[in-house]
């Protein structure tokens, strides 16, 4: 008698197990179970039917006539935001992720003038009342890739939008630009809009404008609240990258408006009080403590345009004014001040220069006229031993870099103290009263080139020849030993 094959035996056992499993489960499939299954199918069919009906409801706006829906949406936006839109192409409709209309070419009209061209406009509508064009309810409007053309007449365009009702609908502007132009239609500056939001804040019970922008390659954020009852405007300007913040309150009740601003820079706090009208802007700027470390006063007159700023400071940080990456140097590089209509004068007095004890009593004078920028008659004392005065100066941009060219007159009051400081050998110590020289300074590369030295009114060929082999660059200007060696070398050449 042959033994059964093990493989066949295993297959039979598996088949038996499968049959047993089927019998147990089929016995459970009674009439009640069939009813539940049928009921589930009804639920599924009902869900599918409702889904199809819902999608059909969302698709209703696709059957609207272009002329009628354009007219209705234009009227609705005008009522809610006081914005007069013109659609030059048909509106496209989509219900994902929520119902909205899209215009790929439109513009805004204000006082019969086109002030903005919009690359893409999205108009989001409520799910309610899609059956009726007249009952369409706008919930949000988004502008993308828009270019706004503003000037002094409509400069408050974005602030006036706060007067609208944002309790029912929001307004958003993304990836856009503001071109601000002067009376000659020249662009004064470009403001890049990364994101602007208009919305209603339930905590403040007010409309809020919050924007993230960039101007002169400088990013900043701005928050604006309009208190209409008190006729007061609150703004908060934030330059996060330098930890600088301006919190301003502006009262616009009377013809001459009053305002005050608190400035926070790191842990330092200061205050600006100002008044303004259509024709002028006056201000004074100081720290808040009684013994003021600085005080600046200024006036900007708009018709005709001229401005004046005068200030006093116990100590001033020159790098804030003329450092490589300072706001002033960045503004100068844009050549925004190279405008023949600008007339600006600046005078600053400071007792000390921060991080440099050798220089005192700075008298900085600058002016912008006929599109030219100079710092003529700027004066600086060095250790009570000499007075340095700048003349025939010019600040200009060349190949994207900022330069200062000019001449310097140095009146020496105490040569012996200077020679002691320089450790000049006695046989090189000539009695010098006056030094005149020409110079060119690069703000970006921190390089100064000196030429055409006159000592006591006379040109010395040996001294000027030696200058051709001398470089004042970067850290070398801060190295006292290097500077002493260079100056003593020039004195040696002068002594013969």
Protein backbone atom coordinates (compact mmCIF):
# COMPACT_ATOMS: atom_id res chain seq x y z
CA UNK A 1 0.00 0.00 0.00
CA UNK A 2 1.48 3.25 -1.12
CA UNK A 3 1.78 6.23 1.22
CA UNK A 4 -0.20 9.37 0.29
CA UNK A 5 1.75 12.17 -1.30
CA UNK A 6 2.45 14.93 1.39
CA UNK A 7 1.79 17.71 -1.15
CA UNK A 8 -1.64 16.34 -2.05
CA UNK A 9 -2.46 15.94 1.64
CA UNK A 10 -1.60 19.61 2.33
CA UNK A 11 -3.72 20.82 -0.59
CA UNK A 12 -6.72 18.89 0.71
CA UNK A 13 -6.33 20.42 4.17
CA UNK A 14 -6.22 23.94 2.66
CA UNK A 15 -9.34 23.25 0.58
CA UNK A 16 -11.15 21.94 3.65
CA UNK A 17 -10.29 25.09 5.63
CA UNK A 18 -11.55 27.36 2.84
CA UNK A 19 -14.85 25.45 2.60
CA UNK A 20 -15.34 25.68 6.36
CA UNK A 21 -14.72 29.44 6.31
CA UNK A 22 -17.20 29.98 3.48
CA UNK A 23 -19.89 27.91 5.26
CA UNK A 24 -19.56 29.87 8.46
CA UNK A 25 -19.85 33.27 6.72
CA UNK A 26 -22.61 32.27 4.29
CA UNK A 27 -24.70 31.06 7.22
CA UNK A 28 -24.51 34.57 8.68
CA UNK A 29 -25.85 36.15 5.46
CA UNK A 30 -29.52 36.18 6.41
CA UNK A 31 -32.43 38.33 5.24
CA UNK A 32 -31.64 41.13 7.73
CA UNK A 33 -28.14 41.39 6.40
CA UNK A 34 -29.44 41.71 2.86
CA UNK A 35 -31.75 44.55 4.00
CA UNK A 36 -28.78 46.43 5.54
CA UNK A 37 -26.80 46.00 2.33
CA UNK A 38 -29.72 47.32 0.29
CA UNK A 39 -30.10 50.23 2.70
CA UNK A 40 -26.40 51.07 2.32
CA UNK A 41 -26.79 51.13 -1.44
CA UNK A 42 -29.65 53.63 -1.08
CA UNK A 43 -27.42 55.81 1.09
CA UNK A 44 -24.64 55.67 -1.49
CA UNK A 45 -27.05 56.46 -4.31
CA UNK A 46 -28.53 59.34 -2.31
CA UNK A 47 -25.05 60.72 -1.57
CA UNK A 48 -24.06 60.50 -5.26
CA UNK A 49 -27.30 62.22 -6.29
CA UNK A 50 -26.79 65.03 -3.77
CA UNK A 51 -23.18 65.45 -4.87
CA UNK A 52 -24.26 65.74 -8.51
CA UNK A 53 -26.93 68.27 -7.54
CA UNK A 54 -24.39 70.30 -5.54
CA UNK A 55 -21.89 70.35 -8.43
CA UNK A 56 -24.72 71.33 -10.78
CA UNK A 57 -25.61 74.17 -8.42
CA UNK A 58 -21.98 75.35 -8.39
CA UNK A 59 -21.92 75.27 -12.19
CA UNK A 60 -24.94 77.58 -12.56
CA UNK A 61 -22.80 80.78 -12.94
CA UNK A 62 -21.20 79.29 -16.08
CA UNK A 63 -24.54 79.88 -17.83
CA UNK A 64 -24.70 83.58 -16.93
CA UNK A 65 -24.43 86.03 -19.80
CA UNK A 66 -21.03 87.79 -19.81
CA UNK A 67 -22.52 91.25 -20.08
CA UNK A 68 -24.89 90.73 -17.14
CA UNK A 69 -22.40 89.10 -14.75
CA UNK A 70 -19.70 91.69 -15.59
CA UNK A 71 -22.13 94.51 -14.90
CA UNK A 72 -23.31 92.95 -11.61
CA UNK A 73 -19.80 92.23 -10.29
CA UNK A 74 -18.57 95.70 -11.28
CA UNK A 75 -21.53 97.28 -9.43
CA UNK A 76 -20.99 95.08 -6.37
CA UNK A 77 -17.26 95.94 -6.13
CA UNK A 78 -18.03 99.64 -6.52
CA UNK A 79 -20.58 99.49 -3.69
CA UNK A 80 -18.37 97.52 -1.30
CA UNK A 81 -14.89 98.91 -2.00
CA UNK A 82 -15.54 102.12 -3.97
CA UNK A 83 -13.35 100.75 -6.76
CA UNK A 84 -14.39 101.31 -10.36
CA UNK A 85 -13.21 98.30 -12.38
CA UNK A 86 -13.27 97.81 -16.13
CA UNK A 87 -13.00 94.28 -17.57
CA UNK A 88 -11.48 94.22 -21.04
CA UNK A 89 -11.96 90.47 -21.51
CA UNK A 90 -14.58 87.85 -20.65
CA UNK A 91 -14.70 86.64 -17.04
CA UNK A 92 -13.85 82.98 -16.44
CA UNK A 93 -15.67 81.04 -13.72
CA UNK A 94 -14.37 78.26 -11.48
CA UNK A 95 -15.83 76.63 -8.34
CA UNK A 96 -12.56 75.13 -7.02
CA UNK A 97 -11.42 75.63 -4.29
CA UNK A 98 -14.42 77.98 -3.89
CA UNK A 99 -16.64 79.79 -6.40
CA UNK A 100 -14.87 82.71 -8.07
CA UNK A 101 -14.58 84.69 -11.29
CA UNK A 102 -11.23 85.51 -12.91
CA UNK A 103 -10.26 88.41 -15.17
CA UNK A 104 -6.83 88.27 -16.81
CA UNK A 105 -6.94 91.88 -18.00
CA UNK A 106 -8.67 94.72 -16.15
CA UNK A 107 -7.97 98.16 -14.73
CA UNK A 108 -9.18 100.63 -12.07
CA UNK A 109 -10.46 104.11 -12.90
CA UNK A 110 -10.40 107.01 -10.42
CA UNK A 111 -11.71 110.47 -11.34
CA UNK A 112 -11.89 109.37 -15.00
CA UNK A 113 -8.19 108.42 -14.98
CA UNK A 114 -6.76 104.92 -15.17
CA UNK A 115 -4.64 104.48 -12.04
CA UNK A 116 -4.00 100.73 -12.13
CA UNK A 117 -3.58 97.93 -14.63
CA UNK A 118 -4.23 94.47 -13.18
CA UNK A 119 -2.71 91.30 -14.56
CA UNK A 120 -5.07 88.96 -12.72
CA UNK A 121 -8.24 89.68 -10.76
CA UNK A 122 -10.06 87.05 -8.68
CA UNK A 123 -13.57 87.74 -7.37
CA UNK A 124 -14.76 85.17 -4.79
CA UNK A 125 -18.52 84.92 -4.27
CA UNK A 126 -20.72 83.39 -1.58
CA UNK A 127 -22.28 79.94 -2.03
CA UNK A 128 -25.66 81.52 -1.32
CA UNK A 129 -28.02 82.58 -4.11
CA UNK A 130 -26.05 81.33 -7.10
CA UNK A 131 -29.41 80.93 -8.84
CA UNK A 132 -29.74 84.71 -9.24
CA UNK A 133 -27.22 87.14 -10.73
CA UNK A 134 -28.77 90.00 -8.79
CA UNK A 135 -28.20 88.20 -5.48
CA UNK A 136 -24.52 87.40 -6.09
CA UNK A 137 -22.60 88.29 -2.91
CA UNK A 138 -18.87 89.05 -3.14
CA UNK A 139 -16.81 87.74 -0.20
CA UNK A 140 -13.25 88.56 -1.31
CA UNK A 141 -11.41 90.32 -4.13
CA UNK A 142 -7.75 89.51 -4.92
CA UNK A 143 -5.57 91.61 -7.24
CA UNK A 144 -2.36 90.08 -8.57
CA UNK A 145 0.42 91.57 -10.71
CA UNK A 146 -1.09 95.06 -10.63
CA UNK A 147 0.71 98.34 -11.38
CA UNK A 148 -0.60 101.43 -9.56
CA UNK A 149 0.19 104.96 -10.80
CA UNK A 150 0.01 107.44 -7.91
CA UNK A 151 1.01 111.07 -7.37
CA UNK A 152 0.48 113.82 -4.78
CA UNK A 153 -3.18 114.19 -5.77
CA UNK A 154 -4.15 110.57 -5.10
CA UNK A 155 -1.36 109.63 -2.66
CA UNK A 156 -3.92 108.61 0.01
CA UNK A 157 -5.61 106.09 -2.32
CA UNK A 158 -4.77 103.05 -0.18
CA UNK A 159 -5.69 104.74 3.11
CA UNK A 160 -9.08 105.89 1.80
CA UNK A 161 -9.96 102.29 1.03
CA UNK A 162 -10.28 101.80 4.81
CA UNK A 163 -13.51 103.84 4.69
CA UNK A 164 -15.30 100.89 3.08
CA UNK A 165 -17.16 98.03 4.74
CA UNK A 166 -14.79 95.08 5.20
CA UNK A 167 -17.11 93.36 7.67
CA UNK A 168 -18.69 91.45 4.78
CA UNK A 169 -15.82 91.17 2.31
CA UNK A 170 -12.00 91.33 2.21
CA UNK A 171 -9.63 92.93 -0.28
CA UNK A 172 -6.19 91.51 -1.03
CA UNK A 173 -3.37 92.77 -3.31
CA UNK A 174 -0.41 90.54 -4.16
CA UNK A 175 2.86 90.79 -6.11
CA UNK A 176 2.19 94.30 -7.39
CA UNK A 177 3.91 97.69 -7.76
CA UNK A 178 3.24 101.32 -6.88
CA UNK A 179 4.88 103.92 -9.14
CA UNK A 180 4.82 107.27 -7.34
CA UNK A 181 5.32 110.16 -9.76
CA UNK A 182 6.01 113.89 -9.37
CA UNK A 183 4.28 116.77 -11.15
CA UNK A 184 6.52 116.22 -14.20
CA UNK A 185 5.35 112.58 -14.33
CA UNK A 186 8.83 111.34 -13.41
CA UNK A 187 9.00 108.31 -11.10
CA UNK A 188 10.13 109.41 -7.63
CA UNK A 189 10.16 105.91 -6.20
CA UNK A 190 8.88 102.38 -6.74
CA UNK A 191 7.13 100.51 -3.93
CA UNK A 192 6.94 96.75 -4.40
CA UNK A 193 3.82 95.19 -2.87
CA UNK A 194 4.35 91.66 -1.66
CA UNK A 195 0.98 91.44 0.07
CA UNK A 196 -1.73 93.89 1.21
CA UNK A 197 -4.77 92.81 3.21
CA UNK A 198 -7.89 94.84 4.05
CA UNK A 199 -10.10 93.17 6.66
CA UNK A 200 -12.34 93.82 9.66
CA UNK A 201 -10.81 93.15 13.09
CA UNK A 202 -13.47 92.03 15.62
CA UNK A 203 -11.17 92.95 18.53
CA UNK A 204 -10.54 96.53 17.36
CA UNK A 205 -14.01 96.76 15.80
CA UNK A 206 -12.25 98.59 12.98
CA UNK A 207 -11.05 98.04 9.45
CA UNK A 208 -7.36 97.07 9.24
CA UNK A 209 -4.83 97.56 6.48
CA UNK A 210 -1.78 95.31 6.76
CA UNK A 211 0.88 95.28 4.07
CA UNK A 212 4.29 93.78 3.38
CA UNK A 213 6.35 95.86 0.97
CA UNK A 214 9.81 96.65 -0.33
CA UNK A 215 11.20 100.07 -1.22
CA UNK A 216 14.78 100.88 -2.30
CA UNK A 217 15.60 97.18 -1.72
CA UNK A 218 14.44 97.61 1.88
CA UNK A 219 11.65 95.30 3.12
CA UNK A 220 9.10 96.63 5.61
CA UNK A 221 5.60 95.99 6.95
CA UNK A 222 2.83 98.51 7.61
CA UNK A 223 -0.33 98.37 9.72
CA UNK A 224 -2.99 101.11 9.44
CA UNK A 225 -6.18 101.69 11.47
CA UNK A 226 -8.54 104.58 10.74
CA UNK A 227 -10.53 105.85 13.76
CA UNK A 228 -13.16 107.80 11.84
CA UNK A 229 -15.11 109.00 14.90
CA UNK A 230 -12.02 110.60 16.45
CA UNK A 231 -10.67 111.58 13.01
CA UNK A 232 -7.42 109.89 13.88
CA UNK A 233 -5.17 107.59 11.87
CA UNK A 234 -2.87 105.03 13.51
CA UNK A 235 0.06 103.50 11.63
CA UNK A 236 2.82 101.10 12.61
CA UNK A 237 5.84 100.83 10.31
CA UNK A 238 8.26 97.99 10.93
CA UNK A 239 11.73 97.39 9.46
CA UNK A 240 12.38 93.98 11.01
CA UNK A 241 15.79 93.42 9.45
CA UNK A 242 17.30 96.39 11.37
CA UNK A 243 14.95 96.19 14.39
CA UNK A 244 13.52 99.62 13.62
CA UNK A 245 9.87 100.52 14.28
CA UNK A 246 7.77 103.69 13.91
CA UNK A 247 4.41 103.94 15.69
CA UNK A 248 2.48 107.00 14.55
CA UNK A 249 -0.78 108.74 15.53
CA UNK A 250 -2.15 111.35 13.12
CA UNK A 251 -5.04 113.74 13.85
CA UNK A 252 -6.68 115.00 10.63
CA UNK A 253 -9.61 116.93 12.08
CA UNK A 254 -8.43 120.46 11.10
CA UNK A 255 -6.78 121.97 8.02
CA UNK A 256 -3.42 121.91 9.80
CA UNK A 257 -2.98 118.32 10.92
CA UNK A 258 -1.04 117.31 14.03
CA UNK A 259 0.78 114.10 14.70
CA UNK A 260 3.34 112.33 16.85
CA UNK A 261 5.47 109.26 16.28
CA UNK A 262 7.46 107.01 18.58
CA UNK A 263 10.62 105.53 17.06
CA UNK A 264 12.14 102.34 18.45
CA UNK A 265 15.60 101.31 17.30
CA UNK A 266 16.87 98.28 19.23
CA UNK A 267 16.45 99.55 22.81
CA UNK A 268 16.63 103.25 21.91
CA UNK A 269 13.45 105.32 21.93
CA UNK A 270 12.83 108.75 20.39
CA UNK A 271 9.92 111.02 19.55
CA UNK A 272 8.78 113.11 16.57
CA UNK A 273 6.11 115.81 16.82
CA UNK A 274 4.91 117.34 13.57
CA UNK A 275 2.26 119.41 11.84
CA UNK A 276 1.33 119.45 8.20
CA UNK A 277 -1.01 120.91 5.60
CA UNK A 278 -1.31 120.87 1.83
CA UNK A 279 1.70 123.18 1.49
CA UNK A 280 4.15 122.26 4.23
CA UNK A 281 5.42 119.71 6.74
CA UNK A 282 7.22 120.84 9.94
CA UNK A 283 8.71 118.58 12.61
CA UNK A 284 11.01 118.32 15.59
CA UNK A 285 12.76 115.10 16.56
CA UNK A 286 14.41 114.28 19.89
CA UNK A 287 14.96 111.62 22.49
CA UNK A 288 12.32 111.63 25.22
CA UNK A 289 14.48 112.27 28.29
CA UNK A 290 14.81 115.79 29.69
CA UNK A 291 18.54 116.19 29.00
CA UNK A 292 18.28 115.73 25.27
CA UNK A 293 21.09 113.88 23.54
CA UNK A 294 19.86 115.14 20.19
CA UNK A 295 17.34 117.51 18.68
CA UNK A 296 16.51 117.95 15.00
CA UNK A 297 14.12 120.38 13.37
CA UNK A 298 13.03 120.55 9.78
CA UNK A 299 10.61 121.92 7.23
CA UNK A 300 9.39 120.65 3.87
CA UNK A 301 7.58 123.16 1.68
CA UNK A 302 5.60 121.66 -1.23
CA UNK A 303 4.61 124.70 -3.30
CA UNK A 304 7.26 125.67 -4.32
CA UNK A 305 9.18 122.63 -3.17
CA UNK A 306 12.15 123.10 -0.87
CA UNK A 307 13.24 121.51 2.39
CA UNK A 308 15.51 122.27 5.27
CA UNK A 309 16.80 120.13 8.14
CA UNK A 310 18.94 121.30 11.05
CA UNK A 311 19.99 119.31 14.06
CA UNK A 312 22.21 118.95 17.06
CA UNK A 313 23.54 115.71 18.53
CA UNK A 314 25.87 115.01 21.42
CA UNK A 315 27.24 112.04 19.49
CA UNK A 316 26.64 110.84 15.95
CA UNK A 317 27.39 107.53 14.25
CA UNK A 318 28.76 108.41 10.81
CA UNK A 319 28.26 104.82 9.60
CA UNK A 320 24.47 105.35 9.83
CA UNK A 321 24.83 108.18 7.32
CA UNK A 322 27.61 107.00 5.02
CA UNK A 323 28.17 103.33 5.83
CA UNK A 324 28.33 100.87 2.93
CA UNK A 325 24.83 99.48 3.55
CA UNK A 326 23.22 102.45 5.29
CA UNK A 327 19.78 103.63 4.18
CA UNK A 328 21.26 106.99 3.09
CA UNK A 329 23.84 105.44 0.77
CA UNK A 330 21.25 103.04 -0.67
CA UNK A 331 18.92 105.98 -1.36
CA UNK A 332 21.75 107.92 -3.03
CA UNK A 333 22.53 104.93 -5.26
CA UNK A 334 18.99 104.92 -6.60
CA UNK A 335 19.68 108.46 -7.96
CA UNK A 336 16.23 109.47 -6.74
CA UNK A 337 17.74 112.76 -5.54
CA UNK A 338 19.21 113.57 -8.95
CA UNK A 339 16.08 115.52 -9.70
CA UNK A 340 16.33 119.15 -10.81
CA UNK A 341 13.09 119.97 -8.98
CA UNK A 342 14.55 119.06 -5.59
CA UNK A 343 15.89 121.77 -3.28
CA UNK A 344 17.18 120.33 -0.02
CA UNK A 345 19.55 121.65 2.66
CA UNK A 346 20.90 119.77 5.65
CA UNK A 347 22.94 121.01 8.62
CA UNK A 348 24.01 118.74 11.50
CA UNK A 349 26.17 119.66 14.47
CA UNK A 350 27.69 116.92 16.63
CA UNK A 351 30.18 117.16 19.50
CA UNK A 352 31.56 113.64 19.04
CA UNK A 353 31.86 110.89 16.46
CA UNK A 354 30.96 107.45 17.74
CA UNK A 355 33.88 104.99 17.84
CA UNK A 356 36.37 107.74 16.97
CA UNK A 357 37.62 109.93 19.81
CA UNK A 358 40.15 111.81 17.70
CA UNK A 359 37.54 113.71 15.69
CA UNK A 360 35.21 116.24 17.34
CA UNK A 361 32.86 119.14 16.56
CA UNK A 362 31.42 117.88 13.29
CA UNK A 363 29.59 120.47 11.23
CA UNK A 364 27.94 118.58 8.37
CA UNK A 365 26.36 120.65 5.65
CA UNK A 366 24.76 119.17 2.57
CA UNK A 367 22.50 120.39 -0.20
CA UNK A 368 20.69 119.05 -3.22
CA UNK A 369 20.10 121.59 -5.97
CA UNK A 370 19.69 121.35 -9.75
CA UNK A 371 20.07 117.57 -9.48
CA UNK A 372 23.54 117.85 -7.85
CA UNK A 373 24.46 116.64 -4.35
CA UNK A 374 27.36 118.06 -2.34
CA UNK A 375 28.65 118.47 1.21
CA UNK A 376 30.51 121.76 0.72
CA UNK A 377 31.64 123.65 3.85
CA UNK A 378 31.46 120.53 6.01
CA UNK A 379 33.96 120.92 8.88
CA UNK A 380 35.61 118.57 11.35
CA UNK A 381 38.20 119.09 14.09
CA UNK A 382 41.02 116.68 14.81
CA UNK A 383 42.20 116.68 18.45
CA UNK A 384 42.00 120.50 18.67
CA UNK A 385 45.08 120.50 16.47
CA UNK A 386 43.56 121.11 13.03
CA UNK A 387 40.33 121.93 11.24
CA UNK A 388 39.37 120.01 8.11
CA UNK A 389 37.00 121.73 5.67
CA UNK A 390 35.53 120.27 2.48
CA UNK A 391 34.88 122.30 -0.68
CA UNK A 392 33.96 121.67 -4.33
CA UNK A 393 32.45 118.31 -3.42
CA UNK A 394 30.12 116.16 -5.50
CA UNK A 395 28.33 112.91 -4.63
CA UNK A 396 27.49 110.79 -7.67
CA UNK A 397 26.82 107.26 -8.90
CA UNK A 398 28.99 105.57 -11.51
CA UNK A 399 28.49 101.98 -12.69
CA UNK A 400 26.14 101.38 -9.76
CA UNK A 401 28.71 102.54 -7.17
CA UNK A 402 28.60 105.63 -4.97
CA UNK A 403 31.48 108.13 -5.02
CA UNK A 404 32.43 111.41 -3.34
CA UNK A 405 34.84 113.74 -5.14
CA UNK A 406 36.10 117.02 -3.72
CA UNK A 407 38.81 119.10 -2.16
CA UNK A 408 39.91 119.53 1.44
CA UNK A 409 41.45 122.48 3.20
CA UNK A 410 43.29 121.61 6.41
CA UNK A 411 44.27 124.44 8.73
CA UNK A 412 46.86 123.30 11.27
CA UNK A 413 46.77 125.00 14.66
CA UNK A 414 49.37 122.96 16.57
CA UNK A 415 52.01 121.18 14.50
CA UNK A 416 54.01 120.04 17.53
CA UNK A 417 51.10 118.05 18.97
CA UNK A 418 50.51 116.46 15.57
CA UNK A 419 54.17 115.46 15.24
CA UNK A 420 54.12 113.97 18.75
CA UNK A 421 51.04 111.93 17.88
CA UNK A 422 52.63 110.72 14.64
CA UNK A 423 56.01 110.06 16.32
CA UNK A 424 57.61 112.02 13.49
CA UNK A 425 61.43 112.23 13.58
CA UNK A 426 62.61 115.73 14.50
CA UNK A 427 64.49 116.28 11.25
CA UNK A 428 61.17 115.90 9.33
CA UNK A 429 59.24 118.38 11.49
CA UNK A 430 58.63 121.40 9.27
CA UNK A 431 56.36 124.24 10.35
CA UNK A 432 53.25 123.63 8.23
CA UNK A 433 50.20 125.87 8.52
CA UNK A 434 47.92 124.79 5.69
CA UNK A 435 47.40 121.73 3.46
CA UNK A 436 45.14 121.65 0.38
CA UNK A 437 44.39 118.39 -1.43
CA UNK A 438 42.00 116.72 -3.83
CA UNK A 439 40.38 113.39 -3.09
CA UNK A 440 38.00 110.73 -4.43
CA UNK A 441 36.26 108.27 -2.11
CA UNK A 442 34.36 105.08 -3.00
CA UNK A 443 31.66 104.23 -0.44
CA UNK A 444 31.30 100.67 -1.72
CA UNK A 445 34.96 99.71 -1.82
CA UNK A 446 36.01 102.02 1.05
CA UNK A 447 38.92 103.33 -1.02
CA UNK A 448 40.20 106.91 -0.91
CA UNK A 449 42.55 108.36 -3.51
CA UNK A 450 44.39 111.60 -2.65
CA UNK A 451 45.96 113.85 -5.25
CA UNK A 452 47.27 117.36 -5.94
CA UNK A 453 48.57 118.19 -2.48
CA UNK A 454 49.51 121.82 -1.85
CA UNK A 455 51.49 122.55 1.33
CA UNK A 456 51.29 126.17 2.41
CA UNK A 457 50.05 127.01 -1.06
CA UNK A 458 52.93 125.29 -2.90
CA UNK A 459 52.98 122.14 -5.03
CA UNK A 460 55.68 119.65 -3.98
CA UNK A 461 56.57 117.18 -6.72
CA UNK A 462 58.21 114.63 -4.39
CA UNK A 463 55.16 114.46 -2.11
CA UNK A 464 52.71 114.08 -4.98
CA UNK A 465 54.87 111.44 -6.66
CA UNK A 466 54.93 109.40 -3.47
CA UNK A 467 51.11 109.61 -3.27
CA UNK A 468 50.86 107.60 -6.50
CA UNK A 469 52.18 104.53 -4.68
CA UNK A 470 49.93 104.85 -1.62
CA UNK A 471 46.58 103.11 -1.20
CA UNK A 472 44.05 103.90 1.53
CA UNK A 473 41.62 101.03 1.45
CA UNK A 474 39.22 99.34 3.89
CA UNK A 475 40.84 98.37 7.17
CA UNK A 476 44.06 100.23 6.34
CA UNK A 477 42.28 103.53 7.06
CA UNK A 478 41.48 102.24 10.55
CA UNK A 479 45.06 101.05 11.17
CA UNK A 480 46.82 103.81 13.14
CA UNK A 481 50.32 102.40 12.61
CA UNK A 482 49.78 102.19 8.85
CA UNK A 483 48.45 105.77 8.69
CA UNK A 484 51.32 107.11 10.82
CA UNK A 485 53.88 105.44 8.57
CA UNK A 486 52.21 106.80 5.43
CA UNK A 487 52.01 110.39 6.73
CA UNK A 488 55.59 110.29 8.04
CA UNK A 489 56.70 109.06 4.63
CA UNK A 490 55.05 112.06 3.01
CA UNK A 491 56.65 114.40 5.60
CA UNK A 492 60.05 112.86 4.84
CA UNK A 493 59.53 113.54 1.14
CA UNK A 494 58.50 117.10 1.91
CA UNK A 495 61.53 117.67 4.18
CA UNK A 496 63.75 116.55 1.31
